[in-house]
C-alpha atoms as a PDB file:
ATOM      1  CA  MET A   1       8.091  -5.944  19.663  1.00  0.00           C
ATOM      2  CA  GLN A   2      10.412  -3.004  20.429  1.00  0.00           C
ATOM      3  CA  SER A   3      10.632  -0.250  17.599  1.00  0.00           C
ATOM      4  CA  SER A   4      13.990   1.249  16.968  1.00  0.00           C
ATOM      5  CA  LEU A   5      12.256   4.614  17.060  1.00  0.00           C
ATOM      6  CA  ALA A   6      10.768   4.399  20.452  1.00  0.00           C
ATOM      7  CA  ASP A   7      12.456   7.484  21.619  1.00  0.00           C
ATOM      8  CA  ILE A   8      11.729   9.618  18.863  1.00  0.00           C
ATOM      9  CA  ASP A   9       8.474  11.552  18.026  1.00  0.00           C
ATOM     10  CA  ILE A  10       7.238  10.519  14.704  1.00  0.00           C
ATOM     11  CA  SER A  11       3.806  12.058  14.834  1.00  0.00           C
ATOM     12  CA  THR A  12       4.517  14.884  12.501  1.00  0.00           C
ATOM     13  CA  LYS A  13       6.881  12.953  10.098  1.00  0.00           C
ATOM     14  CA  SER A  14       5.969  11.676   6.798  1.00  0.00           C
ATOM     15  CA  GLU A  15       6.074   7.960   6.193  1.00  0.00           C
ATOM     16  CA  ALA A  16       9.374   8.332   4.009  1.00  0.00           C
ATOM     17  CA  GLU A  17      10.958  10.382   6.904  1.00  0.00           C
ATOM     18  CA  ILE A  18      10.037   7.725   9.405  1.00  0.00           C
ATOM     19  CA  PHE A  19      11.506   4.812   7.269  1.00  0.00           C
ATOM     20  CA  ALA A  20      14.685   7.058   6.786  1.00  0.00           C
ATOM     21  CA  LEU A  21      14.737   7.492  10.541  1.00  0.00           C
ATOM     22  CA  TYR A  22      14.552   3.726  11.085  1.00  0.00           C
ATOM     23  CA  LEU A  23      17.138   2.817   8.433  1.00  0.00           C
ATOM     24  CA  LYS A  24      19.504   5.211   9.834  1.00  0.00           C
ATOM     25  CA  ASN A  25      18.927   4.044  13.595  1.00  0.00           C
ATOM     26  CA  LYS A  26      18.830   0.177  13.106  1.00  0.00           C
ATOM     27  CA  TYR A  27      21.357   0.203  10.111  1.00  0.00           C
ATOM     28  CA  ASN A  28      23.150   3.444  10.123  1.00  0.00           C
ATOM     29  CA  ILE A  29      22.082   4.121   6.438  1.00  0.00           C
ATOM     30  CA  THR A  30      21.769   7.466   5.610  1.00  0.00           C
ATOM     31  CA  ASP A  31      21.832   8.282   1.865  1.00  0.00           C
ATOM     32  CA  CYS A  32      18.122   8.204   1.280  1.00  0.00           C
ATOM     33  CA  LEU A  33      16.411  10.034  -1.328  1.00  0.00           C
ATOM     34  CA  LEU A  34      13.208  10.977   0.154  1.00  0.00           C
ATOM     35  CA  GLU A  35       9.707  12.019  -1.353  1.00  0.00           C
ATOM     36  CA  THR A  36       7.610  13.369   1.576  1.00  0.00           C
ATOM     37  CA  LYS A  37       4.691  15.414  -0.021  1.00  0.00           C
ATOM     38  CA  SER A  38       2.643  12.189  -0.969  1.00  0.00           C
ATOM     39  CA  THR A  39      -0.791  11.656   0.566  1.00  0.00           C
ATOM     40  CA  ASN A  40      -2.085   8.471  -1.324  1.00  0.00           C
ATOM     41  CA  CYS A  41      -0.545   5.468  -3.081  1.00  0.00           C
ATOM     42  CA  GLY A  42      -0.991   7.129  -6.503  1.00  0.00           C
ATOM     43  CA  ASN A  43       1.178  10.273  -5.189  1.00  0.00           C
ATOM     44  CA  ASN A  44       3.712   7.832  -3.816  1.00  0.00           C
ATOM     45  CA  ILE A  45       4.090   6.797  -7.285  1.00  0.00           C
ATOM     46  CA  THR A  46       3.814   9.973  -9.443  1.00  0.00           C
ATOM     47  CA  ASN A  47       5.807  12.289  -6.999  1.00  0.00           C
ATOM     48  CA  THR A  48       8.678   9.894  -6.763  1.00  0.00           C
ATOM     49  CA  LEU A  49       8.945   9.489 -10.479  1.00  0.00           C
ATOM     50  CA  ALA A  50       8.765  13.055 -10.865  1.00  0.00           C
ATOM     51  CA  LEU A  51      11.566  13.501  -8.212  1.00  0.00           C
ATOM     52  CA  LEU A  52      13.689  10.997 -10.122  1.00  0.00           C
ATOM     53  CA  LYS A  53      13.010  12.994 -13.375  1.00  0.00           C
ATOM     54  CA  ASN A  54      13.753  16.290 -11.760  1.00  0.00           C
ATOM     55  CA  LEU A  55      17.290  14.900 -10.715  1.00  0.00           C
ATOM     56  CA  ASP A  56      17.844  13.112 -13.918  1.00  0.00           C
ATOM     57  CA  LEU A  57      18.015   9.838 -12.361  1.00  0.00           C
ATOM     58  CA  LYS A  58      16.938   6.897 -14.752  1.00  0.00           C
ATOM     59  CA  PRO A  59      16.949   3.885 -12.378  1.00  0.00           C
ATOM     60  CA  LYS A  60      17.359   0.421 -14.010  1.00  0.00           C
ATOM     61  CA  SER A  61      15.258  -0.724 -11.129  1.00  0.00           C
ATOM     62  CA  ILE A  62      12.748   0.319  -8.668  1.00  0.00           C
ATOM     63  CA  ILE A  63      11.963  -1.626  -5.526  1.00  0.00           C
ATOM     64  CA  PHE A  64       8.788  -0.659  -3.649  1.00  0.00           C
ATOM     65  CA  MET A  65       7.580  -1.631  -0.273  1.00  0.00           C
ATOM     66  CA  GLN A  66       4.196  -0.827   1.051  1.00  0.00           C
ATOM     67  CA  ASP A  67       1.700  -2.063   3.735  1.00  0.00           C
ATOM     68  CA  ALA A  68       0.601  -5.531   2.227  1.00  0.00           C
ATOM     69  CA  THR A  69      -2.942  -4.570   1.965  1.00  0.00           C
ATOM     70  CA  MET A  70      -2.167  -1.789  -0.911  1.00  0.00           C
ATOM     71  CA  GLN A  71       0.905  -3.712  -2.571  1.00  0.00           C
ATOM     72  CA  ASN A  72      -1.280  -4.984  -5.657  1.00  0.00           C
ATOM     73  CA  ARG A  73      -2.555  -1.208  -6.163  1.00  0.00           C
ATOM     74  CA  MET A  74       1.069  -0.014  -5.947  1.00  0.00           C
ATOM     75  CA  ASP A  75       2.170  -2.388  -8.634  1.00  0.00           C
ATOM     76  CA  ALA A  76      -0.479  -1.523 -10.882  1.00  0.00           C
ATOM     77  CA  GLY A  77       0.041   2.215 -10.347  1.00  0.00           C
ATOM     78  CA  PHE A  78       3.902   1.890 -11.160  1.00  0.00           C
ATOM     79  CA  ARG A  79       3.075  -0.403 -14.192  1.00  0.00           C
ATOM     80  CA  LYS A  80       0.732   2.683 -15.453  1.00  0.00           C
ATOM     81  CA  TYR A  81       3.265   5.610 -14.884  1.00  0.00           C
ATOM     82  CA  CYS A  82       6.852   3.894 -14.871  1.00  0.00           C
ATOM     83  CA  PRO A  83       9.037   3.725 -17.918  1.00  0.00           C
ATOM     84  CA  CYS A  84       8.828   0.210 -19.581  1.00  0.00           C
ATOM     85  CA  ASP A  85      12.546  -0.307 -19.537  1.00  0.00           C
ATOM     86  CA  THR A  86      12.556   0.041 -15.557  1.00  0.00           C
ATOM     87  CA  ALA A  87      12.285  -3.139 -13.757  1.00  0.00           C
ATOM     88  CA  LEU A  88       9.737  -3.033 -11.030  1.00  0.00           C
ATOM     89  CA  ILE A  89      10.601  -5.113  -7.716  1.00  0.00           C
ATOM     90  CA  ASN A  90       7.450  -5.569  -5.804  1.00  0.00           C
ATOM     91  CA  TYR A  91       8.178  -6.461  -1.991  1.00  0.00           C
ATOM     92  CA  ALA A  92       5.298  -6.808   0.491  1.00  0.00           C
ATOM     93  CA  THR A  93       7.033  -5.897   3.949  1.00  0.00           C
ATOM     94  CA  TYR A  94       5.227  -8.490   5.884  1.00  0.00           C
ATOM     95  CA  LYS A  95       2.794 -11.204   5.509  1.00  0.00           C
ATOM     96  CA  VAL A  96      -0.257 -11.950   7.913  1.00  0.00           C
ATOM     97  CA  HIS A  97      -2.051 -15.284   8.181  1.00  0.00           C
ATOM     98  CA  PHE A  98      -5.646 -15.774   9.464  1.00  0.00           C
ATOM     99  CA  THR A  99      -7.073 -18.424  11.730  1.00  0.00           C
ATOM    100  CA  VAL A 100     -10.498 -18.991  13.362  1.00  0.00           C
ATOM    101  CA  GLN A 101     -10.458 -19.331  17.280  1.00  0.00           C
ATOM    102  CA  ASN A 102     -13.494 -19.720  19.169  1.00  0.00           C
ATOM    103  CA  ASP A 103     -15.646 -19.244  16.005  1.00  0.00           C
ATOM    104  CA  LYS A 104     -14.101 -15.897  15.349  1.00  0.00           C
ATOM    105  CA  LEU A 105     -11.514 -14.739  12.648  1.00  0.00           C
ATOM    106  CA  CYS A 106      -8.048 -14.018  14.315  1.00  0.00           C
ATOM    107  CA  LEU A 107      -4.861 -12.882  13.054  1.00  0.00           C
ATOM    108  CA  GLU A 108      -2.646 -16.093  13.472  1.00  0.00           C
ATOM    109  CA  GLN A 109      -0.007 -13.929  14.951  1.00  0.00           C
ATOM    110  CA  ASN A 110       0.061 -10.293  15.742  1.00  0.00           C
ATOM    111  CA  ASN A 111       3.616  -9.524  16.650  1.00  0.00           C
ATOM    112  CA  ILE A 112       4.331  -7.058  13.750  1.00  0.00           C
ATOM    113  CA  TRP A 113       5.242  -3.800  15.307  1.00  0.00           C
ATOM    114  CA  GLN A 114       2.218  -1.193  14.580  1.00  0.00           C
ATOM    115  CA  MET A 115       0.190  -3.828  12.644  1.00  0.00           C
ATOM    116  CA  TRP A 116      -3.585  -2.953  12.255  1.00  0.00           C
ATOM    117  CA  ASN A 117      -6.011  -4.429  14.291  1.00  0.00           C
ATOM    118  CA  ILE A 118      -8.108  -7.272  12.398  1.00  0.00           C
ATOM    119  CA  ASP A 119     -11.181  -5.234  12.121  1.00  0.00           C
ATOM    120  CA  LYS A 120      -9.090  -2.386  10.377  1.00  0.00           C
ATOM    121  CA  TYR A 121      -7.025  -4.888   8.342  1.00  0.00           C
ATOM    122  CA  ILE A 122     -10.163  -6.460   6.994  1.00  0.00           C
ATOM    123  CA  GLU A 123     -11.651  -3.147   6.152  1.00  0.00           C
ATOM    124  CA  LEU A 124      -8.465  -2.286   4.198  1.00  0.00           C
ATOM    125  CA  LEU A 125      -8.416  -5.461   2.391  1.00  0.00           C
ATOM    126  CA  MET A 126     -12.084  -5.276   1.338  1.00  0.00           C
ATOM    127  CA  GLY A 127     -11.599  -1.856   0.225  1.00  0.00           C
ATOM    128  CA  GLU A 128      -9.029  -2.707  -2.259  1.00  0.00           C
ATOM    129  CA  ILE A 129     -11.238  -4.977  -4.373  1.00  0.00           C
ATOM    130  CA  PRO A 130     -13.516  -2.267  -5.721  1.00  0.00           C
ATOM    131  CA  ARG A 131     -10.492  -0.017  -6.264  1.00  0.00           C
ATOM    132  CA  LEU A 132      -8.525  -2.861  -8.286  1.00  0.00           C
ATOM    133  CA  THR A 133     -11.720  -3.865 -10.269  1.00  0.00           C
ATOM    134  CA  ASP A 134     -11.233  -2.419 -13.727  1.00  0.00           C
ATOM    135  CA  ASN A 135     -14.810  -1.103 -14.208  1.00  0.00           C
ATOM    136  CA  ILE A 136     -16.620   2.313 -13.960  1.00  0.00           C
ATOM    137  CA  ASN A 137     -16.130   2.423 -10.354  1.00  0.00           C
ATOM    138  CA  GLY A 138     -12.735   1.168  -9.961  1.00  0.00           C
ATOM    139  CA  TYR A 139      -9.261   2.833 -10.420  1.00  0.00           C
ATOM    140  CA  GLY A 140      -8.329   0.978 -13.578  1.00  0.00           C
ATOM    141  CA  PRO A 141      -8.512   2.184 -17.366  1.00  0.00           C
ATOM    142  CA  GLN A 142     -12.143   1.542 -17.538  1.00  0.00           C
ATOM    143  CA  GLY A 143     -12.786   3.702 -14.511  1.00  0.00           C
ATOM    144  CA  LYS A 144     -10.880   6.360 -12.692  1.00  0.00           C
ATOM    145  CA  ASP A 145      -7.881   5.557 -14.989  1.00  0.00           C
ATOM    146  CA  PHE A 146      -5.309   5.893 -11.883  1.00  0.00           C
ATOM    147  CA  ILE A 147      -3.841   2.366 -12.241  1.00  0.00           C
ATOM    148  CA  ALA A 148      -2.938  -0.337 -15.036  1.00  0.00           C
ATOM    149  CA  HIS A 149      -5.402  -3.017 -15.615  1.00  0.00           C
ATOM    150  CA  VAL A 150      -5.498  -5.817 -12.755  1.00  0.00           C
ATOM    151  CA  ASP A 151      -6.866  -9.174 -13.327  1.00  0.00           C
ATOM    152  CA  ILE A 152      -8.841 -10.127 -10.262  1.00  0.00           C
ATOM    153  CA  PRO A 153      -9.568 -13.967 -10.100  1.00  0.00           C
ATOM    154  CA  GLN A 154     -13.562 -14.782 -10.218  1.00  0.00           C
ATOM    155  CA  GLU A 155     -12.984 -16.605  -6.810  1.00  0.00           C
ATOM    156  CA  VAL A 156     -11.607 -13.363  -5.269  1.00  0.00           C
ATOM    157  CA  HIS A 157     -14.748 -11.520  -6.756  1.00  0.00           C
ATOM    158  CA  SER A 158     -17.061 -14.336  -5.235  1.00  0.00           C
ATOM    159  CA  ALA A 159     -15.402 -14.173  -1.858  1.00  0.00           C
ATOM    160  CA  TYR A 160     -15.661 -10.496  -1.885  1.00  0.00           C
ATOM    161  CA  GLN A 161     -19.340 -10.590  -2.641  1.00  0.00           C
ATOM    162  CA  TYR A 162     -20.037 -13.026  -0.013  1.00  0.00           C
ATOM    163  CA  LEU A 163     -18.319 -11.368   2.705  1.00  0.00           C
ATOM    164  CA  TYR A 164     -19.762  -7.955   1.792  1.00  0.00           C
ATOM    165  CA  GLN A 165     -23.316  -9.454   1.815  1.00  0.00           C
ATOM    166  CA  HIS A 166     -22.979 -11.808   4.642  1.00  0.00           C
ATOM    167  CA  LEU A 167     -20.787 -10.098   7.477  1.00  0.00           C
ATOM    168  CA  ASP A 168     -20.955  -6.641   8.856  1.00  0.00           C
ATOM    169  CA  ILE A 169     -17.620  -5.694   7.272  1.00  0.00           C
ATOM    170  CA  LYS A 170     -17.316  -2.090   6.348  1.00  0.00           C
ATOM    171  CA  THR A 171     -14.974  -1.226   3.031  1.00  0.00           C
ATOM    172  CA  ARG A 172     -12.684   1.668   3.527  1.00  0.00           C
ATOM    173  CA  GLN A 173     -13.775   4.699   1.488  1.00  0.00           C
ATOM    174  CA  ALA A 174     -11.241   7.048  -0.240  1.00  0.00           C
ATOM    175  CA  ASN A 175     -10.914  10.206   1.982  1.00  0.00           C
ATOM    176  CA  SER A 176     -11.169  13.157  -0.259  1.00  0.00           C
ATOM    177  CA  LEU A 177      -8.901  15.213   1.849  1.00  0.00           C
ATOM    178  CA  TYR A 178      -5.942  13.169   0.400  1.00  0.00           C
ATOM    179  CA  ALA A 179      -7.039  13.235  -3.098  1.00  0.00           C
ATOM    180  CA  THR A 180      -4.486  14.373  -5.879  1.00  0.00           C
ATOM    181  CA  LYS A 181      -5.395  18.070  -6.457  1.00  0.00           C
END
């Protein structure tokens, strides 16, 4: 898949700046409000809401798009910090499907530009379960209190425990370099 940013050096750009370049190059959309200082999902929310407040903007709705592996956490963060009268529109930018080929777990198709490889994708997915779990170690009100409460179905917890115990799958650890200061 060819990127519409193939001729642009994006190595020093923030995600917001890259997205704005994509919108400009592909659709000629240039009127974007950018928050470029965020280093983590929580910052994406709090910094954006602070930017809106500083500009005295009171949106009736906010659509948020994120890597699908972090979409639930973004939703929980917005629910914690966003005014109650703002409609939140949660839009995952892509979907992936898994399959088993030759006794190995594989992505059904991997034609998404810049998609994680399967090992990284699974690591990201596995890392979300402890973060979303509302206990002393999680990000919810009973733990770090970064996000609103998330109900995780028991079958998801059971699947996580099984995979964690039986497979050699690492879970992504938070990087303290990007913690909110």
